[in-house]
Amino acid sequence: MAGHQMANTSSGTKAKHSTMHWAQYPVTFDEYNHRVFEVVGLEDCRLRKDGYLDIIVNAYNLIAKLQNNGGIDLLLFCMRAGKVDIALLQANYRLFYELVCKKKVPIVLVVTGLEREEEMESWWTRNGQILQRHGIYVDGHACITAFNGTHREHEGLYEESRHLVRELVKQHAHGSHGGRYMEDKELYSIFVRIVKGLLWGNLPPKRDIMTVLSKR
């Protein structure tokens, strides 16, 4: 979308990133300036007990940052093609769309890794209804490749993909009026919902949770 690499995508940095780790990038195209927040989603349907405090702190700080920036205009839900883990996809969909944004923000799906497809859009033809049957509904989608290889056909697909994503953003974000503003009183409510919705059992006593989180 930016036209050049901005985020560090090497596997060597993966260990430093935890669920709800986020980074902010300025992206400008077609005379529009965007603040893009890249957020790491769940990698497992059940959160590990030893890492849930970091996850909740990351989530709280992200929500506060988004609130200070006026809210959210669009959720760009990114996934890689291949064997789809429906349960994990549902968990991330619930986390960001249902719990954090309360279904009040447009959400679009971007499927990457489709450079080997004869027609990249055919992925959606095969899988779109499957996602809907599992309760994953989106306002738009783009089937793309993020691989800018040396072969001429890859270069063409890469440029096509960049155009598709930019058009998706323009269509669904630029028509909003000020984004989805989150009031102060909503922060704690969202915070608690994330804990309840994603951590099943084996939690320390509530008093211990709140003591630690309050200090952090």
N, C-alpha and C. Protein backbone atom coordinates (compact mmCIF):
# COMPACT_ATOMS: atom_id res chain seq x y z
N MET A 1 0.82 -1.21 0.00
CA MET A 1 0.00 0.00 0.00
C MET A 1 0.86 1.26 0.00
N ALA A 2 2.00 1.20 0.70
CA ALA A 2 2.87 2.38 0.79
C ALA A 2 3.69 2.58 -0.47
N GLY A 3 3.96 1.50 -1.20
CA GLY A 3 4.80 1.61 -2.38
C GLY A 3 6.23 1.21 -2.11
N HIS A 4 6.57 0.96 -0.86
CA HIS A 4 7.90 0.48 -0.49
C HIS A 4 7.79 -0.21 0.86
N GLN A 5 8.81 -0.99 1.22
CA GLN A 5 8.76 -1.74 2.47
C GLN A 5 8.93 -0.80 3.66
N MET A 6 8.02 -0.93 4.62
CA MET A 6 8.09 -0.11 5.82
C MET A 6 8.28 -0.96 7.07
N ALA A 7 7.48 -2.02 7.19
CA ALA A 7 7.54 -2.88 8.37
C ALA A 7 8.63 -3.93 8.22
N ASN A 8 9.27 -4.30 9.32
CA ASN A 8 10.26 -5.36 9.32
C ASN A 8 9.52 -6.69 9.38
N THR A 9 9.59 -7.46 8.31
CA THR A 9 8.83 -8.70 8.24
C THR A 9 9.69 -9.94 8.40
N SER A 10 10.97 -9.79 8.78
CA SER A 10 11.86 -10.95 8.88
C SER A 10 11.46 -11.82 10.05
N SER A 11 11.69 -13.13 9.90
CA SER A 11 11.31 -14.09 10.94
C SER A 11 12.14 -13.89 12.20
N GLY A 12 13.29 -13.25 12.07
CA GLY A 12 14.15 -13.06 13.23
C GLY A 12 13.56 -12.15 14.29
N THR A 13 12.61 -11.30 13.91
CA THR A 13 12.01 -10.38 14.88
C THR A 13 10.74 -10.94 15.48
N LYS A 14 10.32 -12.10 15.02
CA LYS A 14 9.03 -12.63 15.45
C LYS A 14 8.98 -12.86 16.96
N ALA A 15 10.11 -13.32 17.51
CA ALA A 15 10.13 -13.64 18.93
C ALA A 15 9.91 -12.41 19.79
N LYS A 16 10.22 -11.22 19.25
CA LYS A 16 10.05 -9.99 20.01
C LYS A 16 8.61 -9.51 20.00
N HIS A 17 7.80 -10.06 19.12
CA HIS A 17 6.43 -9.61 18.98
C HIS A 17 5.49 -10.56 19.71
N SER A 18 4.61 -10.02 20.49
CA SER A 18 3.59 -10.83 21.15
C SER A 18 2.23 -10.40 20.64
N THR A 19 1.23 -11.20 20.98
CA THR A 19 -0.12 -10.84 20.58
C THR A 19 -0.46 -9.44 21.06
N MET A 20 -1.08 -8.66 20.18
CA MET A 20 -1.44 -7.27 20.41
C MET A 20 -0.24 -6.32 20.41
N HIS A 21 0.95 -6.83 20.08
CA HIS A 21 2.07 -5.91 19.83
C HIS A 21 1.70 -5.08 18.61
N TRP A 22 2.02 -3.79 18.64
CA TRP A 22 1.61 -2.94 17.54
C TRP A 22 2.68 -1.91 17.20
N ALA A 23 2.61 -1.45 15.97
CA ALA A 23 3.50 -0.40 15.48
C ALA A 23 2.70 0.51 14.57
N GLN A 24 3.09 1.76 14.51
CA GLN A 24 2.36 2.76 13.72
C GLN A 24 3.22 3.21 12.54
N TYR A 25 2.59 3.34 11.36
CA TYR A 25 3.29 3.75 10.15
C TYR A 25 2.48 4.82 9.43
N PRO A 26 3.15 5.87 8.94
CA PRO A 26 2.46 6.84 8.09
C PRO A 26 2.47 6.36 6.64
N VAL A 27 1.32 6.30 6.01
CA VAL A 27 1.21 5.84 4.62
C VAL A 27 0.44 6.89 3.83
N THR A 28 1.02 7.36 2.73
CA THR A 28 0.38 8.38 1.90
C THR A 28 0.24 7.86 0.48
N PHE A 29 -0.96 7.99 -0.08
CA PHE A 29 -1.16 7.70 -1.49
C PHE A 29 -2.40 8.45 -1.97
N ASP A 30 -2.39 8.82 -3.23
CA ASP A 30 -3.50 9.54 -3.85
C ASP A 30 -3.91 10.77 -3.02
N GLU A 31 -2.91 11.46 -2.47
CA GLU A 31 -3.11 12.69 -1.69
C GLU A 31 -3.84 12.46 -0.37
N TYR A 32 -3.93 11.22 0.07
CA TYR A 32 -4.50 10.93 1.38
C TYR A 32 -3.38 10.51 2.34
N ASN A 33 -3.44 11.03 3.55
CA ASN A 33 -2.49 10.63 4.59
C ASN A 33 -3.18 9.68 5.56
N HIS A 34 -2.58 8.53 5.79
CA HIS A 34 -3.16 7.53 6.67
C HIS A 34 -2.24 7.25 7.85
N ARG A 35 -2.81 6.95 8.99
CA ARG A 35 -2.07 6.39 10.11
C ARG A 35 -2.45 4.91 10.18
N VAL A 36 -1.49 4.07 9.82
CA VAL A 36 -1.74 2.63 9.77
C VAL A 36 -1.13 1.97 11.00
N PHE A 37 -1.96 1.25 11.74
CA PHE A 37 -1.49 0.53 12.92
C PHE A 37 -1.42 -0.96 12.57
N GLU A 38 -0.20 -1.49 12.57
CA GLU A 38 -0.02 -2.92 12.34
C GLU A 38 -0.07 -3.62 13.70
N VAL A 39 -0.98 -4.58 13.84
CA VAL A 39 -1.19 -5.23 15.12
C VAL A 39 -1.04 -6.75 14.95
N VAL A 40 -0.27 -7.37 15.84
CA VAL A 40 -0.10 -8.81 15.81
C VAL A 40 -1.33 -9.47 16.43
N GLY A 41 -1.94 -10.39 15.71
CA GLY A 41 -3.12 -11.09 16.21
C GLY A 41 -2.75 -12.33 17.00
N LEU A 42 -3.78 -13.08 17.36
CA LEU A 42 -3.56 -14.33 18.09
C LEU A 42 -2.90 -15.35 17.19
N GLU A 43 -1.97 -16.11 17.75
CA GLU A 43 -1.36 -17.22 17.03
C GLU A 43 -1.87 -18.55 17.55
N ASP A 44 -2.69 -18.49 18.58
CA ASP A 44 -3.30 -19.69 19.16
C ASP A 44 -4.66 -19.28 19.67
N CYS A 45 -5.64 -20.18 19.58
CA CYS A 45 -7.00 -19.85 20.02
C CYS A 45 -7.07 -19.66 21.53
N ARG A 46 -6.19 -20.32 22.24
CA ARG A 46 -6.16 -20.16 23.70
C ARG A 46 -4.89 -19.42 24.07
N LEU A 47 -5.05 -18.35 24.83
CA LEU A 47 -3.88 -17.57 25.24
C LEU A 47 -3.16 -18.29 26.37
N ARG A 48 -1.85 -18.25 26.32
CA ARG A 48 -1.08 -18.88 27.39
C ARG A 48 -1.16 -18.03 28.66
N LYS A 49 -1.25 -18.70 29.77
CA LYS A 49 -1.39 -18.01 31.05
C LYS A 49 -0.19 -17.11 31.34
N ASP A 50 1.03 -17.56 30.97
CA ASP A 50 2.21 -16.79 31.32
C ASP A 50 2.37 -15.52 30.49
N GLY A 51 1.58 -15.39 29.40
CA GLY A 51 1.74 -14.22 28.57
C GLY A 51 0.53 -13.31 28.52
N TYR A 52 -0.53 -13.66 29.26
CA TYR A 52 -1.77 -12.90 29.08
C TYR A 52 -1.67 -11.48 29.62
N LEU A 53 -0.85 -11.24 30.64
CA LEU A 53 -0.72 -9.89 31.16
C LEU A 53 -0.11 -8.96 30.11
N ASP A 54 0.93 -9.44 29.41
CA ASP A 54 1.53 -8.63 28.35
C ASP A 54 0.50 -8.34 27.27
N ILE A 55 -0.31 -9.34 26.93
CA ILE A 55 -1.31 -9.18 25.88
C ILE A 55 -2.32 -8.10 26.28
N ILE A 56 -2.78 -8.15 27.50
CA ILE A 56 -3.79 -7.19 27.94
C ILE A 56 -3.20 -5.78 28.02
N VAL A 57 -1.96 -5.67 28.49
CA VAL A 57 -1.32 -4.36 28.55
C VAL A 57 -1.14 -3.80 27.14
N ASN A 58 -0.69 -4.65 26.20
CA ASN A 58 -0.56 -4.20 24.81
C ASN A 58 -1.89 -3.73 24.26
N ALA A 59 -2.95 -4.50 24.55
CA ALA A 59 -4.27 -4.14 24.05
C ALA A 59 -4.74 -2.81 24.63
N TYR A 60 -4.55 -2.63 25.91
CA TYR A 60 -4.99 -1.40 26.57
C TYR A 60 -4.25 -0.19 25.99
N ASN A 61 -2.92 -0.32 25.82
CA ASN A 61 -2.14 0.79 25.29
C ASN A 61 -2.52 1.11 23.85
N LEU A 62 -2.82 0.06 23.07
CA LEU A 62 -3.25 0.28 21.69
C LEU A 62 -4.57 1.02 21.64
N ILE A 63 -5.52 0.58 22.44
CA ILE A 63 -6.84 1.21 22.44
C ILE A 63 -6.74 2.67 22.87
N ALA A 64 -5.91 2.93 23.88
CA ALA A 64 -5.72 4.32 24.32
C ALA A 64 -5.10 5.17 23.22
N LYS A 65 -4.13 4.60 22.50
CA LYS A 65 -3.49 5.32 21.40
C LYS A 65 -4.49 5.61 20.29
N LEU A 66 -5.30 4.61 19.95
CA LEU A 66 -6.31 4.80 18.90
C LEU A 66 -7.33 5.85 19.31
N GLN A 67 -7.68 5.85 20.57
CA GLN A 67 -8.63 6.84 21.06
C GLN A 67 -8.06 8.25 20.90
N ASN A 68 -6.79 8.41 21.25
CA ASN A 68 -6.15 9.72 21.13
C ASN A 68 -6.03 10.18 19.69
N ASN A 69 -6.06 9.24 18.75
CA ASN A 69 -5.99 9.57 17.33
C ASN A 69 -7.37 9.71 16.71
N GLY A 70 -8.41 9.67 17.51
CA GLY A 70 -9.75 9.92 17.00
C GLY A 70 -10.56 8.68 16.67
N GLY A 71 -10.02 7.49 16.96
CA GLY A 71 -10.78 6.27 16.71
C GLY A 71 -10.25 5.49 15.52
N ILE A 72 -11.08 4.61 14.99
CA ILE A 72 -10.69 3.71 13.90
C ILE A 72 -11.62 3.93 12.72
N ASP A 73 -11.05 4.07 11.54
CA ASP A 73 -11.85 4.22 10.33
C ASP A 73 -12.08 2.89 9.63
N LEU A 74 -11.12 1.96 9.73
CA LEU A 74 -11.19 0.73 8.96
C LEU A 74 -10.33 -0.34 9.58
N LEU A 75 -10.83 -1.57 9.59
CA LEU A 75 -10.05 -2.74 9.97
C LEU A 75 -9.61 -3.46 8.70
N LEU A 76 -8.31 -3.61 8.51
CA LEU A 76 -7.75 -4.32 7.37
C LEU A 76 -7.28 -5.67 7.91
N PHE A 77 -8.09 -6.69 7.75
CA PHE A 77 -7.86 -8.01 8.32
C PHE A 77 -7.03 -8.83 7.34
N CYS A 78 -5.76 -9.08 7.67
CA CYS A 78 -4.84 -9.73 6.74
C CYS A 78 -4.61 -11.19 7.13
N MET A 79 -4.63 -12.07 6.13
CA MET A 79 -4.34 -13.48 6.36
C MET A 79 -3.59 -14.04 5.16
N ARG A 80 -2.84 -15.11 5.39
CA ARG A 80 -2.09 -15.75 4.31
C ARG A 80 -2.90 -16.93 3.78
N ALA A 81 -2.90 -17.07 2.46
CA ALA A 81 -3.60 -18.19 1.84
C ALA A 81 -2.89 -19.50 2.19
N GLY A 82 -3.59 -20.59 2.01
CA GLY A 82 -3.04 -21.89 2.35
C GLY A 82 -4.06 -22.63 3.20
N LYS A 83 -3.59 -23.51 4.06
CA LYS A 83 -4.50 -24.22 4.94
C LYS A 83 -5.03 -23.25 5.99
N VAL A 84 -6.32 -23.01 5.95
CA VAL A 84 -6.92 -22.01 6.82
C VAL A 84 -7.33 -22.64 8.15
N ASP A 85 -6.84 -22.07 9.24
CA ASP A 85 -7.27 -22.48 10.58
C ASP A 85 -8.51 -21.66 10.93
N ILE A 86 -9.67 -22.25 10.69
CA ILE A 86 -10.93 -21.52 10.88
C ILE A 86 -11.09 -21.05 12.31
N ALA A 87 -10.76 -21.91 13.28
CA ALA A 87 -10.94 -21.53 14.69
C ALA A 87 -10.07 -20.32 15.05
N LEU A 88 -8.84 -20.29 14.54
CA LEU A 88 -7.95 -19.16 14.82
C LEU A 88 -8.44 -17.91 14.11
N LEU A 89 -8.92 -18.09 12.90
CA LEU A 89 -9.47 -16.96 12.14
C LEU A 89 -10.66 -16.36 12.87
N GLN A 90 -11.54 -17.23 13.39
CA GLN A 90 -12.69 -16.75 14.15
C GLN A 90 -12.27 -16.00 15.40
N ALA A 91 -11.25 -16.51 16.09
CA ALA A 91 -10.79 -15.88 17.33
C ALA A 91 -10.26 -14.47 17.06
N ASN A 92 -9.47 -14.30 16.00
CA ASN A 92 -8.95 -12.98 15.67
C ASN A 92 -10.06 -12.05 15.19
N TYR A 93 -10.99 -12.59 14.45
CA TYR A 93 -12.14 -11.80 13.98
C TYR A 93 -12.94 -11.28 15.17
N ARG A 94 -13.18 -12.16 16.13
CA ARG A 94 -13.92 -11.75 17.34
C ARG A 94 -13.15 -10.71 18.14
N LEU A 95 -11.84 -10.93 18.28
CA LEU A 95 -11.02 -10.03 19.09
C LEU A 95 -11.08 -8.61 18.55
N PHE A 96 -10.80 -8.44 17.25
CA PHE A 96 -10.66 -7.09 16.71
C PHE A 96 -11.99 -6.49 16.26
N TYR A 97 -12.82 -7.29 15.63
CA TYR A 97 -14.06 -6.73 15.08
C TYR A 97 -15.18 -6.68 16.10
N GLU A 98 -15.39 -7.77 16.82
CA GLU A 98 -16.52 -7.83 17.74
C GLU A 98 -16.21 -7.24 19.11
N LEU A 99 -15.04 -7.56 19.68
CA LEU A 99 -14.74 -7.12 21.04
C LEU A 99 -14.21 -5.69 21.08
N VAL A 100 -13.18 -5.41 20.28
CA VAL A 100 -12.57 -4.08 20.32
C VAL A 100 -13.44 -3.04 19.62
N CYS A 101 -13.94 -3.36 18.44
CA CYS A 101 -14.67 -2.36 17.64
C CYS A 101 -16.18 -2.51 17.70
N LYS A 102 -16.66 -3.53 18.41
CA LYS A 102 -18.11 -3.71 18.63
C LYS A 102 -18.91 -3.68 17.32
N LYS A 103 -18.31 -4.18 16.26
CA LYS A 103 -18.96 -4.29 14.94
C LYS A 103 -19.37 -2.93 14.35
N LYS A 104 -18.74 -1.87 14.82
CA LYS A 104 -19.13 -0.53 14.36
C LYS A 104 -18.13 0.08 13.37
N VAL A 105 -17.15 -0.70 12.95
CA VAL A 105 -16.13 -0.23 12.02
C VAL A 105 -16.14 -1.13 10.79
N PRO A 106 -16.03 -0.58 9.58
CA PRO A 106 -15.94 -1.43 8.39
C PRO A 106 -14.74 -2.37 8.51
N ILE A 107 -14.91 -3.61 8.05
CA ILE A 107 -13.81 -4.56 8.07
C ILE A 107 -13.66 -5.17 6.69
N VAL A 108 -12.44 -5.21 6.18
CA VAL A 108 -12.16 -5.80 4.88
C VAL A 108 -11.07 -6.85 5.05
N LEU A 109 -11.11 -7.85 4.19
CA LEU A 109 -10.17 -8.97 4.25
C LEU A 109 -9.16 -8.86 3.12
N VAL A 110 -7.87 -9.00 3.47
CA VAL A 110 -6.81 -9.05 2.47
C VAL A 110 -6.12 -10.40 2.59
N VAL A 111 -6.18 -11.18 1.52
CA VAL A 111 -5.57 -12.51 1.49
C VAL A 111 -4.30 -12.45 0.67
N THR A 112 -3.16 -12.79 1.28
CA THR A 112 -1.86 -12.69 0.61
C THR A 112 -1.35 -14.07 0.20
N GLY A 113 -0.24 -14.09 -0.52
CA GLY A 113 0.40 -15.34 -0.91
C GLY A 113 -0.23 -16.03 -2.09
N LEU A 114 -0.87 -15.26 -2.98
CA LEU A 114 -1.62 -15.85 -4.09
C LEU A 114 -0.92 -15.71 -5.44
N GLU A 115 0.41 -15.51 -5.43
CA GLU A 115 1.13 -15.32 -6.69
C GLU A 115 1.15 -16.57 -7.57
N ARG A 116 0.89 -17.74 -6.98
CA ARG A 116 0.89 -18.98 -7.77
C ARG A 116 -0.48 -19.29 -8.37
N GLU A 117 -1.49 -18.54 -7.97
CA GLU A 117 -2.83 -18.75 -8.53
C GLU A 117 -2.88 -18.25 -9.97
N GLU A 118 -3.61 -18.97 -10.81
CA GLU A 118 -3.80 -18.50 -12.18
C GLU A 118 -4.56 -17.18 -12.18
N GLU A 119 -5.57 -17.11 -11.32
CA GLU A 119 -6.30 -15.87 -11.08
C GLU A 119 -6.38 -15.70 -9.57
N MET A 120 -5.81 -14.64 -9.03
CA MET A 120 -5.77 -14.48 -7.57
C MET A 120 -7.16 -14.43 -6.97
N GLU A 121 -8.13 -13.84 -7.66
CA GLU A 121 -9.49 -13.71 -7.16
C GLU A 121 -10.17 -15.06 -6.98
N SER A 122 -9.66 -16.10 -7.63
CA SER A 122 -10.30 -17.42 -7.52
C SER A 122 -10.26 -17.95 -6.09
N TRP A 123 -9.32 -17.46 -5.28
CA TRP A 123 -9.30 -17.89 -3.87
C TRP A 123 -10.60 -17.54 -3.19
N TRP A 124 -11.08 -16.33 -3.43
CA TRP A 124 -12.33 -15.90 -2.81
C TRP A 124 -13.51 -16.69 -3.34
N THR A 125 -13.50 -17.03 -4.61
CA THR A 125 -14.57 -17.84 -5.19
C THR A 125 -14.68 -19.18 -4.48
N ARG A 126 -13.54 -19.77 -4.12
CA ARG A 126 -13.53 -21.07 -3.46
C ARG A 126 -13.83 -20.97 -1.97
N ASN A 127 -13.43 -19.87 -1.33
CA ASN A 127 -13.44 -19.83 0.14
C ASN A 127 -14.37 -18.80 0.76
N GLY A 128 -14.88 -17.86 -0.01
CA GLY A 128 -15.69 -16.79 0.55
C GLY A 128 -16.90 -17.29 1.32
N GLN A 129 -17.64 -18.22 0.74
CA GLN A 129 -18.83 -18.74 1.41
C GLN A 129 -18.48 -19.59 2.62
N ILE A 130 -17.32 -20.24 2.59
CA ILE A 130 -16.89 -21.04 3.75
C ILE A 130 -16.68 -20.13 4.96
N LEU A 131 -16.04 -18.98 4.73
CA LEU A 131 -15.84 -18.03 5.83
C LEU A 131 -17.17 -17.54 6.38
N GLN A 132 -18.11 -17.25 5.50
CA GLN A 132 -19.41 -16.76 5.93
C GLN A 132 -20.15 -17.81 6.73
N ARG A 133 -20.02 -19.08 6.36
CA ARG A 133 -20.68 -20.14 7.11
C ARG A 133 -20.14 -20.25 8.53
N HIS A 134 -18.93 -19.76 8.74
CA HIS A 134 -18.33 -19.77 10.08
C HIS A 134 -18.45 -18.41 10.77
N GLY A 135 -19.33 -17.57 10.25
CA GLY A 135 -19.62 -16.31 10.93
C GLY A 135 -18.64 -15.19 10.67
N ILE A 136 -17.81 -15.32 9.63
CA ILE A 136 -16.83 -14.29 9.30
C ILE A 136 -17.34 -13.51 8.09
N TYR A 137 -17.88 -12.33 8.35
CA TYR A 137 -18.44 -11.48 7.29
C TYR A 137 -17.59 -10.23 7.15
N VAL A 138 -17.29 -9.85 5.92
CA VAL A 138 -16.48 -8.66 5.67
C VAL A 138 -17.19 -7.76 4.68
N ASP A 139 -16.82 -6.49 4.70
CA ASP A 139 -17.43 -5.50 3.81
C ASP A 139 -16.78 -5.44 2.44
N GLY A 140 -15.61 -6.05 2.32
CA GLY A 140 -14.91 -6.09 1.05
C GLY A 140 -13.70 -6.99 1.18
N HIS A 141 -13.05 -7.31 0.06
CA HIS A 141 -11.88 -8.18 0.11
C HIS A 141 -10.95 -7.86 -1.06
N ALA A 142 -9.70 -8.31 -0.91
CA ALA A 142 -8.72 -8.23 -1.98
C ALA A 142 -7.84 -9.46 -1.90
N CYS A 143 -7.68 -10.15 -3.02
CA CYS A 143 -6.81 -11.31 -3.11
C CYS A 143 -5.53 -10.88 -3.80
N ILE A 144 -4.40 -10.96 -3.10
CA ILE A 144 -3.18 -10.31 -3.58
C ILE A 144 -1.93 -11.15 -3.37
N THR A 145 -0.81 -10.62 -3.83
CA THR A 145 0.50 -11.10 -3.44
C THR A 145 1.30 -9.91 -2.90
N ALA A 146 2.06 -10.16 -1.85
CA ALA A 146 2.96 -9.14 -1.32
C ALA A 146 4.39 -9.43 -1.74
N PHE A 147 4.56 -10.40 -2.66
CA PHE A 147 5.88 -10.81 -3.12
C PHE A 147 6.22 -10.07 -4.42
N ASN A 148 7.27 -9.28 -4.35
CA ASN A 148 7.70 -8.53 -5.52
C ASN A 148 8.97 -9.19 -6.07
N GLY A 149 8.78 -10.30 -6.79
CA GLY A 149 9.90 -11.09 -7.27
C GLY A 149 10.57 -10.50 -8.51
N THR A 150 11.53 -11.26 -9.04
CA THR A 150 12.29 -10.78 -10.19
C THR A 150 11.59 -11.12 -11.50
N HIS A 151 10.65 -12.06 -11.47
CA HIS A 151 9.96 -12.44 -12.70
C HIS A 151 8.96 -11.37 -13.09
N ARG A 152 8.82 -11.16 -14.39
CA ARG A 152 7.94 -10.11 -14.89
C ARG A 152 6.50 -10.31 -14.44
N GLU A 153 6.06 -11.60 -14.41
CA GLU A 153 4.67 -11.84 -14.00
C GLU A 153 4.44 -11.49 -12.54
N HIS A 154 5.46 -11.70 -11.69
CA HIS A 154 5.33 -11.34 -10.28
C HIS A 154 5.26 -9.82 -10.11
N GLU A 155 6.07 -9.13 -10.89
CA GLU A 155 6.06 -7.67 -10.82
C GLU A 155 4.69 -7.12 -11.19
N GLY A 156 4.08 -7.70 -12.22
CA GLY A 156 2.75 -7.27 -12.62
C GLY A 156 1.71 -7.56 -11.56
N LEU A 157 1.80 -8.73 -10.92
CA LEU A 157 0.85 -9.09 -9.87
C LEU A 157 1.03 -8.19 -8.64
N TYR A 158 2.28 -7.83 -8.36
CA TYR A 158 2.55 -6.96 -7.23
C TYR A 158 1.92 -5.59 -7.43
N GLU A 159 2.07 -5.03 -8.61
CA GLU A 159 1.47 -3.73 -8.90
C GLU A 159 -0.05 -3.81 -8.88
N GLU A 160 -0.59 -4.91 -9.41
CA GLU A 160 -2.04 -5.11 -9.37
C GLU A 160 -2.52 -5.20 -7.92
N SER A 161 -1.75 -5.89 -7.09
CA SER A 161 -2.12 -6.07 -5.68
C SER A 161 -2.13 -4.74 -4.94
N ARG A 162 -1.11 -3.94 -5.19
CA ARG A 162 -1.04 -2.63 -4.52
C ARG A 162 -2.24 -1.77 -4.90
N HIS A 163 -2.62 -1.82 -6.17
CA HIS A 163 -3.79 -1.08 -6.62
C HIS A 163 -5.05 -1.58 -5.94
N LEU A 164 -5.20 -2.90 -5.81
CA LEU A 164 -6.39 -3.49 -5.20
C LEU A 164 -6.53 -3.05 -3.74
N VAL A 165 -5.42 -3.07 -3.00
CA VAL A 165 -5.48 -2.71 -1.58
C VAL A 165 -5.78 -1.22 -1.42
N ARG A 166 -5.15 -0.41 -2.23
CA ARG A 166 -5.40 1.04 -2.15
C ARG A 166 -6.86 1.35 -2.46
N GLU A 167 -7.42 0.71 -3.48
CA GLU A 167 -8.82 0.95 -3.82
C GLU A 167 -9.74 0.47 -2.71
N LEU A 168 -9.37 -0.63 -2.05
CA LEU A 168 -10.17 -1.15 -0.94
C LEU A 168 -10.21 -0.15 0.21
N VAL A 169 -9.05 0.43 0.52
CA VAL A 169 -8.96 1.42 1.60
C VAL A 169 -9.75 2.67 1.23
N LYS A 170 -9.57 3.14 0.01
CA LYS A 170 -10.28 4.35 -0.42
C LYS A 170 -11.79 4.16 -0.36
N GLN A 171 -12.25 3.00 -0.78
CA GLN A 171 -13.69 2.74 -0.82
C GLN A 171 -14.32 2.67 0.56
N HIS A 172 -13.61 2.06 1.51
CA HIS A 172 -14.24 1.77 2.80
C HIS A 172 -13.79 2.67 3.95
N ALA A 173 -12.69 3.40 3.79
CA ALA A 173 -12.22 4.27 4.87
C ALA A 173 -12.51 5.73 4.62
N HIS A 174 -12.41 6.18 3.38
CA HIS A 174 -12.51 7.61 3.12
C HIS A 174 -13.93 8.14 3.22
N GLY A 175 -14.91 7.25 3.24
CA GLY A 175 -16.29 7.72 3.34
C GLY A 175 -16.78 7.87 4.77
N SER A 176 -15.93 7.46 5.75
CA SER A 176 -16.35 7.54 7.14
C SER A 176 -16.25 8.97 7.64
N HIS A 177 -16.94 9.26 8.72
CA HIS A 177 -16.98 10.62 9.26
C HIS A 177 -16.30 10.65 10.62
N GLY A 178 -14.98 10.83 10.61
CA GLY A 178 -14.27 10.98 11.87
C GLY A 178 -13.90 9.68 12.54
N GLY A 179 -14.15 8.56 11.90
CA GLY A 179 -13.76 7.29 12.48
C GLY A 179 -14.68 6.85 13.60
N ARG A 180 -14.31 5.76 14.21
CA ARG A 180 -15.07 5.19 15.32
C ARG A 180 -14.46 5.71 16.61
N TYR A 181 -15.03 6.76 17.16
CA TYR A 181 -14.46 7.36 18.36
C TYR A 181 -14.78 6.51 19.58
N MET A 182 -13.78 6.29 20.43
CA MET A 182 -13.97 5.50 21.64
C MET A 182 -13.87 6.42 22.85
N GLU A 183 -14.92 6.50 23.62
CA GLU A 183 -14.93 7.37 24.79
C GLU A 183 -14.13 6.75 25.93
N ASP A 184 -13.76 7.59 26.89
CA ASP A 184 -12.96 7.12 28.02
C ASP A 184 -13.62 5.95 28.74
N LYS A 185 -14.91 6.03 28.94
CA LYS A 185 -15.61 5.02 29.73
C LYS A 185 -15.62 3.67 29.04
N GLU A 186 -15.32 3.63 27.74
CA GLU A 186 -15.34 2.38 27.02
C GLU A 186 -14.04 1.59 27.19
N LEU A 187 -12.94 2.26 27.54
CA LEU A 187 -11.66 1.59 27.59
C LEU A 187 -11.66 0.41 28.56
N TYR A 188 -12.15 0.65 29.76
CA TYR A 188 -12.13 -0.42 30.76
C TYR A 188 -13.06 -1.55 30.36
N SER A 189 -14.22 -1.20 29.79
CA SER A 189 -15.18 -2.21 29.34
C SER A 189 -14.56 -3.11 28.28
N ILE A 190 -13.89 -2.51 27.28
CA ILE A 190 -13.24 -3.28 26.23
C ILE A 190 -12.14 -4.15 26.82
N PHE A 191 -11.39 -3.57 27.73
CA PHE A 191 -10.30 -4.27 28.40
C PHE A 191 -10.80 -5.54 29.08
N VAL A 192 -11.89 -5.44 29.83
CA VAL A 192 -12.44 -6.59 30.54
C VAL A 192 -13.00 -7.61 29.57
N ARG A 193 -13.64 -7.15 28.50
CA ARG A 193 -14.20 -8.08 27.52
C ARG A 193 -13.12 -8.93 26.87
N ILE A 194 -11.97 -8.33 26.59
CA ILE A 194 -10.88 -9.08 25.98
C ILE A 194 -10.42 -10.18 26.92
N VAL A 195 -10.32 -9.86 28.21
CA VAL A 195 -9.91 -10.87 29.19
C VAL A 195 -10.92 -12.01 29.24
N LYS A 196 -12.19 -11.65 29.39
CA LYS A 196 -13.23 -12.68 29.52
C LYS A 196 -13.41 -13.48 28.24
N GLY A 197 -13.32 -12.80 27.10
CA GLY A 197 -13.61 -13.47 25.84
C GLY A 197 -12.52 -14.40 25.36
N LEU A 198 -11.28 -14.17 25.80
CA LEU A 198 -10.18 -14.93 25.24
C LEU A 198 -9.42 -15.80 26.23
N LEU A 199 -9.68 -15.67 27.50
CA LEU A 199 -9.00 -16.50 28.49
C LEU A 199 -10.03 -17.39 29.18
N TRP A 200 -9.93 -18.70 28.92
CA TRP A 200 -10.91 -19.63 29.46
C TRP A 200 -10.30 -20.39 30.63
N GLY A 201 -10.71 -20.04 31.83
CA GLY A 201 -10.29 -20.79 33.00
C GLY A 201 -8.83 -20.55 33.38
N ASN A 202 -8.42 -21.17 34.48
CA ASN A 202 -7.04 -21.13 34.97
C ASN A 202 -6.53 -19.71 35.22
N LEU A 203 -7.42 -18.80 35.50
CA LEU A 203 -7.00 -17.43 35.78
C LEU A 203 -6.69 -17.28 37.27
N PRO A 204 -5.72 -16.43 37.60
CA PRO A 204 -5.50 -16.09 39.00
C PRO A 204 -6.73 -15.37 39.54
N PRO A 205 -6.84 -15.24 40.85
CA PRO A 205 -7.96 -14.50 41.43
C PRO A 205 -8.05 -13.09 40.86
N LYS A 206 -9.26 -12.56 40.75
CA LYS A 206 -9.47 -11.25 40.16
C LYS A 206 -8.65 -10.18 40.86
N ARG A 207 -8.55 -10.27 42.19
CA ARG A 207 -7.80 -9.25 42.93
C ARG A 207 -6.34 -9.22 42.48
N ASP A 208 -5.75 -10.41 42.26
CA ASP A 208 -4.36 -10.47 41.81
C ASP A 208 -4.21 -9.87 40.43
N ILE A 209 -5.16 -10.15 39.53
CA ILE A 209 -5.11 -9.61 38.17
C ILE A 209 -5.11 -8.10 38.22
N MET A 210 -6.07 -7.53 38.95
CA MET A 210 -6.22 -6.09 38.95
C MET A 210 -5.06 -5.39 39.63
N THR A 211 -4.48 -6.02 40.66
CA THR A 211 -3.32 -5.43 41.35
C THR A 211 -2.14 -5.29 40.40
N VAL A 212 -1.84 -6.39 39.69
CA VAL A 212 -0.71 -6.38 38.77
C VAL A 212 -0.94 -5.41 37.62
N LEU A 213 -2.15 -5.47 37.04
CA LEU A 213 -2.45 -4.62 35.90
C LEU A 213 -2.47 -3.15 36.28
N SER A 214 -2.96 -2.84 37.45
CA SER A 214 -2.99 -1.44 37.90
C SER A 214 -1.57 -0.88 38.03
N LYS A 215 -0.64 -1.70 38.53
CA LYS A 215 0.74 -1.25 38.65
C LYS A 215 1.35 -1.03 37.28
N ARG A 216 1.02 -1.90 36.33
CA ARG A 216 1.62 -1.79 35.00
C ARG A 216 1.00 -0.68 34.19
